[in-house]
Amino acid sequence: MRGNLTMLFKNKLFLIFNLSLLVLLISACSGSTGGKQEEGQEQSTGTSKVIELDFNNVFPATHHLAANVFEPMEEVVKEKTDGQLKINFHHSAVLGSVTSTLDDLNGGLYDMALGVPGYFYDTDLFKLSLLELPFSFENVRDIANVQTKFMELHGEGVWGDKITYSKVGAASDPFVIYSTKEIRSVDDMKGMKVAVTNDTWNLVFEEWGVTPVQLDLADLYEGLQRGVIDAALWSTVGGMGIKLYEPAPYIVDLKMYLPISGPVIRTEALEKMPEDLRNLFVEDILPEFSEMLVDNYEKQEANAWKELEKLVEGKGEIIKLSPEAEKEFKQSAEETWNNWVDQANERGFDGEQLMNDYKQIRKELGIELPF
């Protein structure tokens, strides 16, 4: 009996030994394969580790920015950095909403995003609201150029010390009026309920006899359809995308304002890069990113007007105001501009200096004031 137990014990030891040897052999083979893959990466990228950045895109993957800017930008970054840097675009706001960008970047939730200052005017970014005053610009190129110059003078620290922004300005296409009825003069606006995204237009609307209504983007179409609102201020391209022309087929070709934006990155993410790569990113990649945004919106806006004209045919109209009517619309915004200076002073800024510098930049660039 004892002999049988001894033999059984030896057999178990033999089995355990063989199993252990097999595990060691498998591990060795696996480690050898992994070593070859890493070596291959070093040869193709010139570094043992590719730096990856997570970019939060609040728009869906089918949005024109994804196809025309973000996807090409991936290739630009790969080419300019010899594969050392990779941007991973996460679409449909899966990492955070546009209104949480500032907190998300400061908290390190992701590395990059399109920064939209208009959502954070309770911070030092209020300075940039000067560029979004009513009737400030006619096109995205002009506002981008002014933004670039203005940021050189007054942009330091506006995003905080944890965020680095592009040195080149960018913006979306102009916001115009989508209306359920014809608008050809200021008088036609009286009594209307108009959807807005912020309080900037309150003084102007008061003079026009308009009631401002705060509505989310998701509620604009139904609001127009059900008569909750009579008109909405929304971008040419964006309005076409969500089909505002269906309930509101009268589109006034009057550039109300252009929301500024631009690529921003966590400063900590930059600091983890080698110095040469960091300089390349700030001096070259971010500015090119901005230029691609501007180019895209210029093209998208031109195409949008052509498409809108076809889409509203027989149902509404693309309304081009007379010079006299356009002048009347714009002059009503002058009080809002003056009021901005007071607001800036109340926030601790030098409102007069900011406004003077802004007007001087416009003058140097040959961009006339709206009144």
Protein backbone atom coordinates (compact mmCIF):
# COMPACT_ATOMS: atom_id res chain seq x y z
CA MET A 1 0.00 0.00 0.00
CA ARG A 2 2.78 2.38 0.94
CA GLY A 3 4.57 1.58 -2.35
CA ASN A 4 1.49 2.50 -4.32
CA LEU A 5 1.18 5.82 -2.52
CA THR A 6 4.85 6.56 -3.16
CA MET A 7 4.47 5.81 -6.86
CA LEU A 8 1.33 7.98 -7.07
CA PHE A 9 3.13 10.88 -5.40
CA LYS A 10 6.07 10.59 -7.85
CA ASN A 11 3.69 10.59 -10.81
CA LYS A 12 2.03 13.78 -9.53
CA LEU A 13 5.41 15.47 -9.14
CA PHE A 14 6.36 14.45 -12.66
CA LEU A 15 3.10 15.85 -14.02
CA ILE A 16 3.52 19.16 -12.15
CA PHE A 17 7.10 19.48 -13.41
CA ASN A 18 6.05 18.95 -17.03
CA LEU A 19 3.21 21.43 -16.75
CA SER A 20 5.52 24.04 -15.27
CA LEU A 21 8.04 23.49 -18.04
CA LEU A 22 5.31 23.88 -20.66
CA VAL A 23 4.17 27.20 -19.12
CA LEU A 24 7.74 28.50 -19.13
CA LEU A 25 8.18 27.57 -22.79
CA ILE A 26 4.93 29.31 -23.79
CA SER A 27 5.90 32.42 -21.83
CA ALA A 28 9.32 32.51 -23.45
CA CYS A 29 7.82 32.26 -26.93
CA SER A 30 5.31 34.97 -26.17
CA GLY A 31 7.97 37.30 -24.80
CA SER A 32 10.14 36.74 -27.85
CA THR A 33 7.29 37.65 -30.21
CA GLY A 34 6.45 40.82 -28.21
CA GLY A 35 10.07 41.90 -28.38
CA LYS A 36 10.06 41.70 -32.17
CA GLN A 37 6.87 43.77 -32.43
CA GLU A 38 8.29 46.50 -30.21
CA GLU A 39 11.48 46.51 -32.23
CA GLY A 40 9.42 46.92 -35.39
CA GLN A 41 7.61 49.91 -33.89
CA GLU A 42 10.91 51.54 -33.03
CA GLN A 43 12.10 51.17 -36.60
CA SER A 44 8.92 52.58 -38.11
CA THR A 45 8.38 55.47 -35.70
CA GLY A 46 11.89 56.28 -34.60
CA THR A 47 10.87 55.99 -30.95
CA SER A 48 10.00 53.22 -28.52
CA LYS A 49 6.70 54.86 -27.64
CA VAL A 50 4.11 56.71 -29.73
CA ILE A 51 2.53 59.63 -27.86
CA GLU A 52 -1.25 59.45 -28.12
CA LEU A 53 -3.66 62.32 -27.46
CA ASP A 54 -7.40 61.91 -26.87
CA PHE A 55 -9.51 64.53 -28.66
CA ASN A 56 -13.14 65.00 -27.62
CA ASN A 57 -15.28 65.85 -30.65
CA VAL A 58 -18.80 66.91 -29.64
CA PHE A 59 -20.10 66.34 -33.18
CA PRO A 60 -20.98 62.94 -34.68
CA ALA A 61 -18.52 61.06 -36.86
CA THR A 62 -20.66 61.97 -39.90
CA HIS A 63 -20.30 65.73 -39.28
CA HIS A 64 -18.45 67.73 -41.94
CA LEU A 65 -15.71 68.62 -39.44
CA ALA A 66 -14.90 64.95 -38.91
CA ALA A 67 -14.56 64.26 -42.63
CA ASN A 68 -12.98 67.52 -43.76
CA VAL A 69 -10.79 68.47 -40.80
CA PHE A 70 -10.29 65.78 -38.17
CA GLU A 71 -9.51 62.85 -40.46
CA PRO A 72 -7.04 64.86 -42.62
CA MET A 73 -5.52 66.25 -39.42
CA GLU A 74 -4.62 62.73 -38.31
CA GLU A 75 -2.47 62.37 -41.42
CA VAL A 76 -0.95 65.84 -41.01
CA VAL A 77 0.13 65.03 -37.45
CA LYS A 78 1.52 61.65 -38.45
CA GLU A 79 3.53 63.17 -41.30
CA LYS A 80 4.85 66.20 -39.43
CA THR A 81 5.95 64.15 -36.39
CA ASP A 82 7.26 61.11 -38.32
CA GLY A 83 4.68 58.97 -36.53
CA GLN A 84 5.79 60.00 -33.05
CA LEU A 85 2.42 61.57 -32.28
CA LYS A 86 -1.12 60.29 -32.78
CA ILE A 87 -4.46 62.02 -32.13
CA ASN A 88 -7.38 59.74 -31.29
CA PHE A 89 -10.67 61.47 -32.14
CA HIS A 90 -13.63 60.45 -29.97
CA HIS A 91 -16.88 61.54 -31.63
CA SER A 92 -20.41 62.39 -30.46
CA ALA A 93 -19.28 63.95 -27.16
CA VAL A 94 -18.61 60.56 -25.60
CA LEU A 95 -15.96 62.09 -23.33
CA GLY A 96 -17.88 65.25 -22.40
CA SER A 97 -20.15 68.02 -23.66
CA VAL A 98 -19.05 71.29 -25.25
CA THR A 99 -20.17 73.14 -22.11
CA SER A 100 -17.83 71.10 -19.89
CA THR A 101 -14.70 71.46 -22.03
CA LEU A 102 -12.95 73.85 -19.67
CA ASP A 103 -13.48 71.67 -16.58
CA ASP A 104 -12.75 68.46 -18.49
CA LEU A 105 -9.38 69.70 -19.78
CA ASN A 106 -8.40 71.15 -16.42
CA GLY A 107 -9.28 67.83 -14.81
CA GLY A 108 -7.34 65.78 -17.37
CA LEU A 109 -10.40 63.90 -18.62
CA TYR A 110 -9.01 64.11 -22.16
CA ASP A 111 -6.20 65.99 -23.92
CA MET A 112 -7.70 68.09 -26.71
CA ALA A 113 -10.92 69.65 -27.97
CA LEU A 114 -12.34 72.52 -29.94
CA GLY A 115 -12.52 75.27 -27.36
CA VAL A 116 -15.62 77.48 -27.69
CA PRO A 117 -15.11 80.57 -25.47
CA GLY A 118 -18.78 81.56 -25.67
CA TYR A 119 -19.70 78.88 -23.14
CA PHE A 120 -17.27 80.23 -20.55
CA TYR A 121 -17.74 83.99 -20.48
CA ASP A 122 -17.94 83.93 -16.68
CA THR A 123 -14.14 83.48 -16.80
CA ASP A 124 -11.34 85.57 -18.35
CA LEU A 125 -12.59 84.31 -21.71
CA PHE A 126 -15.16 87.10 -21.44
CA LYS A 127 -12.58 89.28 -23.22
CA LEU A 128 -13.23 87.32 -26.40
CA SER A 129 -16.96 88.04 -26.31
CA LEU A 130 -15.95 91.38 -27.81
CA LEU A 131 -15.47 89.57 -31.12
CA GLU A 132 -18.98 88.11 -30.99
CA LEU A 133 -20.90 91.35 -30.52
CA PRO A 134 -23.86 91.79 -32.91
CA PHE A 135 -22.98 92.32 -36.58
CA SER A 136 -19.23 92.26 -35.90
CA PHE A 137 -18.16 90.30 -39.00
CA GLU A 138 -19.34 89.19 -42.41
CA ASN A 139 -17.16 86.11 -42.85
CA VAL A 140 -15.09 83.55 -40.98
CA ARG A 141 -11.75 84.68 -42.46
CA ASP A 142 -12.06 88.21 -41.08
CA ILE A 143 -12.97 87.17 -37.55
CA ALA A 144 -10.20 84.57 -37.52
CA ASN A 145 -7.62 87.19 -38.52
CA VAL A 146 -8.83 89.67 -35.92
CA GLN A 147 -8.92 86.97 -33.26
CA THR A 148 -5.29 86.07 -34.00
CA LYS A 149 -4.16 89.69 -33.53
CA PHE A 150 -6.38 90.28 -30.52
CA MET A 151 -5.07 87.16 -28.75
CA GLU A 152 -1.50 88.37 -29.27
CA LEU A 153 -2.37 91.44 -27.19
CA HIS A 154 -4.89 90.11 -24.69
CA GLY A 155 -4.97 86.32 -24.93
CA GLU A 156 -2.37 85.37 -22.33
CA GLY A 157 -3.95 83.27 -19.62
CA VAL A 158 -7.56 83.59 -20.82
CA TRP A 159 -7.87 79.78 -20.97
CA GLY A 160 -6.03 79.37 -17.67
CA ASP A 161 -2.54 78.02 -17.05
CA LYS A 162 -3.53 74.39 -17.68
CA ILE A 163 -4.65 74.89 -21.28
CA THR A 164 -2.70 75.95 -24.37
CA TYR A 165 -4.59 77.39 -27.32
CA SER A 166 -3.80 77.82 -30.99
CA LYS A 167 -2.03 81.04 -31.96
CA VAL A 168 -4.24 81.27 -35.03
CA GLY A 169 -7.92 82.18 -34.70
CA ALA A 170 -10.86 80.19 -36.01
CA ALA A 171 -14.65 80.41 -36.01
CA SER A 172 -17.74 78.79 -37.45
CA ASP A 173 -19.88 80.14 -40.27
CA PRO A 174 -22.17 83.14 -39.60
CA PHE A 175 -25.42 82.88 -37.65
CA VAL A 176 -28.38 84.17 -39.64
CA ILE A 177 -32.15 84.39 -39.11
CA TYR A 178 -34.33 81.36 -39.88
CA SER A 179 -37.93 82.61 -39.82
CA THR A 180 -41.44 81.26 -40.28
CA LYS A 181 -42.44 84.50 -42.03
CA GLU A 182 -40.89 87.17 -44.23
CA ILE A 183 -38.53 89.68 -42.61
CA ARG A 184 -37.46 92.67 -44.68
CA SER A 185 -37.14 95.39 -42.06
CA VAL A 186 -36.77 95.92 -38.32
CA ASP A 187 -40.50 96.63 -38.15
CA ASP A 188 -41.20 93.09 -39.38
CA MET A 189 -39.50 91.76 -36.24
CA LYS A 190 -41.90 93.43 -33.80
CA GLY A 191 -43.79 90.98 -31.63
CA MET A 192 -41.72 87.99 -32.76
CA LYS A 193 -40.34 85.34 -30.41
CA VAL A 194 -36.76 84.53 -31.42
CA ALA A 195 -34.53 81.74 -30.10
CA VAL A 196 -31.07 82.82 -28.94
CA THR A 197 -28.13 81.08 -27.31
CA ASN A 198 -27.02 83.86 -24.94
CA ASP A 199 -28.00 87.24 -23.49
CA THR A 200 -25.90 89.32 -25.89
CA TRP A 201 -28.90 90.15 -28.04
CA ASN A 202 -31.24 91.28 -25.26
CA LEU A 203 -30.72 95.02 -25.77
CA VAL A 204 -30.98 94.70 -29.55
CA PHE A 205 -34.13 92.61 -29.34
CA GLU A 206 -35.65 95.05 -26.90
CA GLU A 207 -35.20 97.83 -29.44
CA TRP A 208 -36.69 95.66 -32.17
CA GLY A 209 -39.67 94.72 -30.01
CA VAL A 210 -38.61 91.07 -30.01
CA THR A 211 -38.99 88.55 -27.19
CA PRO A 212 -35.82 86.44 -26.74
CA VAL A 213 -36.37 82.76 -25.96
CA GLN A 214 -33.62 80.48 -24.64
CA LEU A 215 -33.90 77.12 -26.42
CA ASP A 216 -31.49 74.21 -26.76
CA LEU A 217 -30.43 73.11 -30.21
CA ALA A 218 -32.48 69.93 -29.91
CA ASP A 219 -35.66 72.00 -29.41
CA LEU A 220 -35.27 74.50 -32.26
CA TYR A 221 -36.98 72.51 -35.01
CA GLU A 222 -40.01 71.58 -32.91
CA GLY A 223 -40.15 75.08 -31.43
CA LEU A 224 -40.44 76.58 -34.91
CA GLN A 225 -42.85 73.90 -36.05
CA ARG A 226 -45.23 74.38 -33.10
CA GLY A 227 -45.05 78.15 -32.94
CA VAL A 228 -43.20 78.31 -29.64
CA ILE A 229 -40.82 80.62 -31.50
CA ASP A 230 -41.20 82.52 -34.77
CA ALA A 231 -37.53 82.60 -35.70
CA ALA A 232 -34.11 81.40 -34.59
CA LEU A 233 -30.56 82.64 -34.86
CA TRP A 234 -28.47 79.74 -36.11
CA SER A 235 -25.54 79.11 -38.40
CA THR A 236 -26.04 78.76 -42.14
CA VAL A 237 -24.41 75.33 -42.31
CA GLY A 238 -25.74 74.10 -38.97
CA GLY A 239 -29.28 75.17 -39.74
CA MET A 240 -29.22 73.25 -42.99
CA GLY A 241 -27.91 70.18 -41.18
CA ILE A 242 -30.86 70.08 -38.76
CA LYS A 243 -33.31 71.17 -41.48
CA LEU A 244 -34.48 74.41 -39.89
CA TYR A 245 -35.48 75.52 -43.40
CA GLU A 246 -38.47 73.15 -43.23
CA PRO A 247 -40.43 74.92 -40.45
CA ALA A 248 -38.67 78.25 -41.12
CA PRO A 249 -38.23 78.63 -44.91
CA TYR A 250 -37.53 82.39 -44.84
CA ILE A 251 -33.79 82.83 -44.30
CA VAL A 252 -32.47 86.36 -43.92
CA ASP A 253 -28.99 86.75 -45.38
CA LEU A 254 -27.86 89.02 -42.56
CA LYS A 255 -24.71 87.97 -40.72
CA MET A 256 -25.75 88.33 -37.07
CA TYR A 257 -22.51 87.04 -35.52
CA LEU A 258 -19.89 84.30 -35.81
CA PRO A 259 -18.99 82.11 -32.79
CA ILE A 260 -15.23 81.88 -32.32
CA SER A 261 -13.48 78.61 -31.53
CA GLY A 262 -10.18 76.83 -32.00
CA PRO A 263 -8.14 73.79 -30.99
CA VAL A 264 -6.91 73.68 -27.40
CA ILE A 265 -4.73 71.17 -25.56
CA ARG A 266 -3.86 70.41 -21.96
CA THR A 267 -0.55 72.09 -21.14
CA GLU A 268 0.48 69.01 -19.14
CA ALA A 269 0.08 66.85 -22.25
CA LEU A 270 2.39 69.23 -24.13
CA GLU A 271 4.98 69.19 -21.37
CA LYS A 272 5.25 65.41 -21.58
CA MET A 273 6.45 65.70 -25.19
CA PRO A 274 10.12 66.07 -26.13
CA GLU A 275 11.00 69.75 -26.55
CA ASP A 276 11.31 69.64 -30.35
CA LEU A 277 7.94 67.90 -30.68
CA ARG A 278 6.34 70.32 -28.25
CA ASN A 279 7.57 73.34 -30.21
CA LEU A 280 6.41 71.78 -33.47
CA PHE A 281 2.95 71.20 -32.01
CA VAL A 282 2.53 74.78 -30.74
CA GLU A 283 4.16 76.63 -33.63
CA ASP A 284 3.02 74.49 -36.55
CA ILE A 285 0.40 71.82 -35.86
CA LEU A 286 -2.11 73.86 -33.81
CA PRO A 287 -2.02 76.81 -36.27
CA GLU A 288 -2.52 74.46 -39.23
CA PHE A 289 -5.44 72.90 -37.36
CA SER A 290 -7.03 76.36 -37.10
CA GLU A 291 -6.41 77.10 -40.77
CA MET A 292 -8.11 73.86 -41.76
CA LEU A 293 -11.15 74.83 -39.68
CA VAL A 294 -11.41 78.23 -41.36
CA ASP A 295 -10.95 76.79 -44.85
CA ASN A 296 -13.62 74.19 -44.20
CA TYR A 297 -16.22 76.66 -42.94
CA GLU A 298 -15.60 78.99 -45.88
CA LYS A 299 -16.33 76.17 -48.31
CA GLN A 300 -19.25 74.79 -46.31
CA GLU A 301 -20.96 78.18 -46.09
CA ALA A 302 -20.69 78.82 -49.83
CA ASN A 303 -22.19 75.41 -50.58
CA ALA A 304 -24.90 75.83 -47.92
CA TRP A 305 -26.35 78.98 -49.48
CA LYS A 306 -26.61 77.27 -52.86
CA GLU A 307 -28.34 74.27 -51.33
CA LEU A 308 -30.67 76.35 -49.19
CA GLU A 309 -31.84 78.32 -52.20
CA LYS A 310 -32.96 75.07 -53.82
CA LEU A 311 -34.48 73.66 -50.64
CA VAL A 312 -36.76 76.64 -49.94
CA GLU A 313 -37.84 77.21 -53.52
CA GLY A 314 -41.63 77.45 -53.68
CA LYS A 315 -41.89 77.37 -49.88
CA GLY A 316 -39.95 80.38 -48.71
CA GLU A 317 -37.07 82.60 -49.75
CA ILE A 318 -33.47 83.59 -49.18
CA ILE A 319 -34.06 87.23 -48.25
CA LYS A 320 -31.42 89.82 -49.10
CA LEU A 321 -32.14 93.09 -47.33
CA SER A 322 -31.97 96.50 -48.96
CA PRO A 323 -28.93 98.62 -47.95
CA GLU A 324 -31.24 100.90 -45.94
CA ALA A 325 -32.82 98.00 -44.03
CA GLU A 326 -29.45 96.40 -43.32
CA LYS A 327 -28.13 99.70 -41.96
CA GLU A 328 -31.16 100.02 -39.68
CA PHE A 329 -30.62 96.52 -38.30
CA LYS A 330 -26.96 97.16 -37.57
CA GLN A 331 -27.33 100.61 -36.02
CA SER A 332 -29.60 99.16 -33.36
CA ALA A 333 -26.64 97.17 -32.00
CA GLU A 334 -24.46 100.18 -31.15
CA GLU A 335 -25.82 100.40 -27.60
CA THR A 336 -24.89 96.75 -27.05
CA TRP A 337 -21.30 97.52 -28.04
CA ASN A 338 -21.16 100.44 -25.58
CA ASN A 339 -22.73 98.30 -22.88
CA TRP A 340 -20.00 95.69 -23.38
CA VAL A 341 -17.35 98.18 -22.25
CA ASP A 342 -19.26 98.75 -19.00
CA GLN A 343 -19.60 95.01 -18.44
CA ALA A 344 -15.88 94.50 -19.01
CA ASN A 345 -15.06 97.24 -16.48
CA GLU A 346 -17.40 95.67 -13.93
CA ARG A 347 -15.50 92.38 -14.32
CA GLY A 348 -12.21 94.07 -13.57
CA PHE A 349 -10.95 94.45 -17.13
CA ASP A 350 -10.02 97.67 -18.88
CA GLY A 351 -13.04 97.78 -21.20
CA GLU A 352 -12.00 100.97 -22.98
CA GLN A 353 -8.52 99.62 -23.73
CA LEU A 354 -9.87 96.31 -24.99
CA MET A 355 -12.37 98.04 -27.25
CA ASN A 356 -9.80 100.53 -28.56
CA ASP A 357 -7.30 97.78 -29.37
CA TYR A 358 -10.03 95.76 -31.05
CA LYS A 359 -11.08 98.66 -33.27
CA GLN A 360 -7.46 99.44 -34.10
CA ILE A 361 -6.86 95.85 -35.22
CA ARG A 362 -9.93 96.00 -37.44
CA LYS A 363 -8.68 99.27 -38.92
CA GLU A 364 -5.21 97.81 -39.64
CA LEU A 365 -6.81 94.81 -41.35
CA GLY A 366 -9.21 96.97 -43.35
CA ILE A 367 -12.34 95.60 -41.70
CA GLU A 368 -14.96 98.30 -41.25
CA LEU A 369 -17.14 98.65 -38.17
CA PRO A 370 -20.84 97.78 -38.64
CA PHE A 371 -21.97 101.35 -37.80
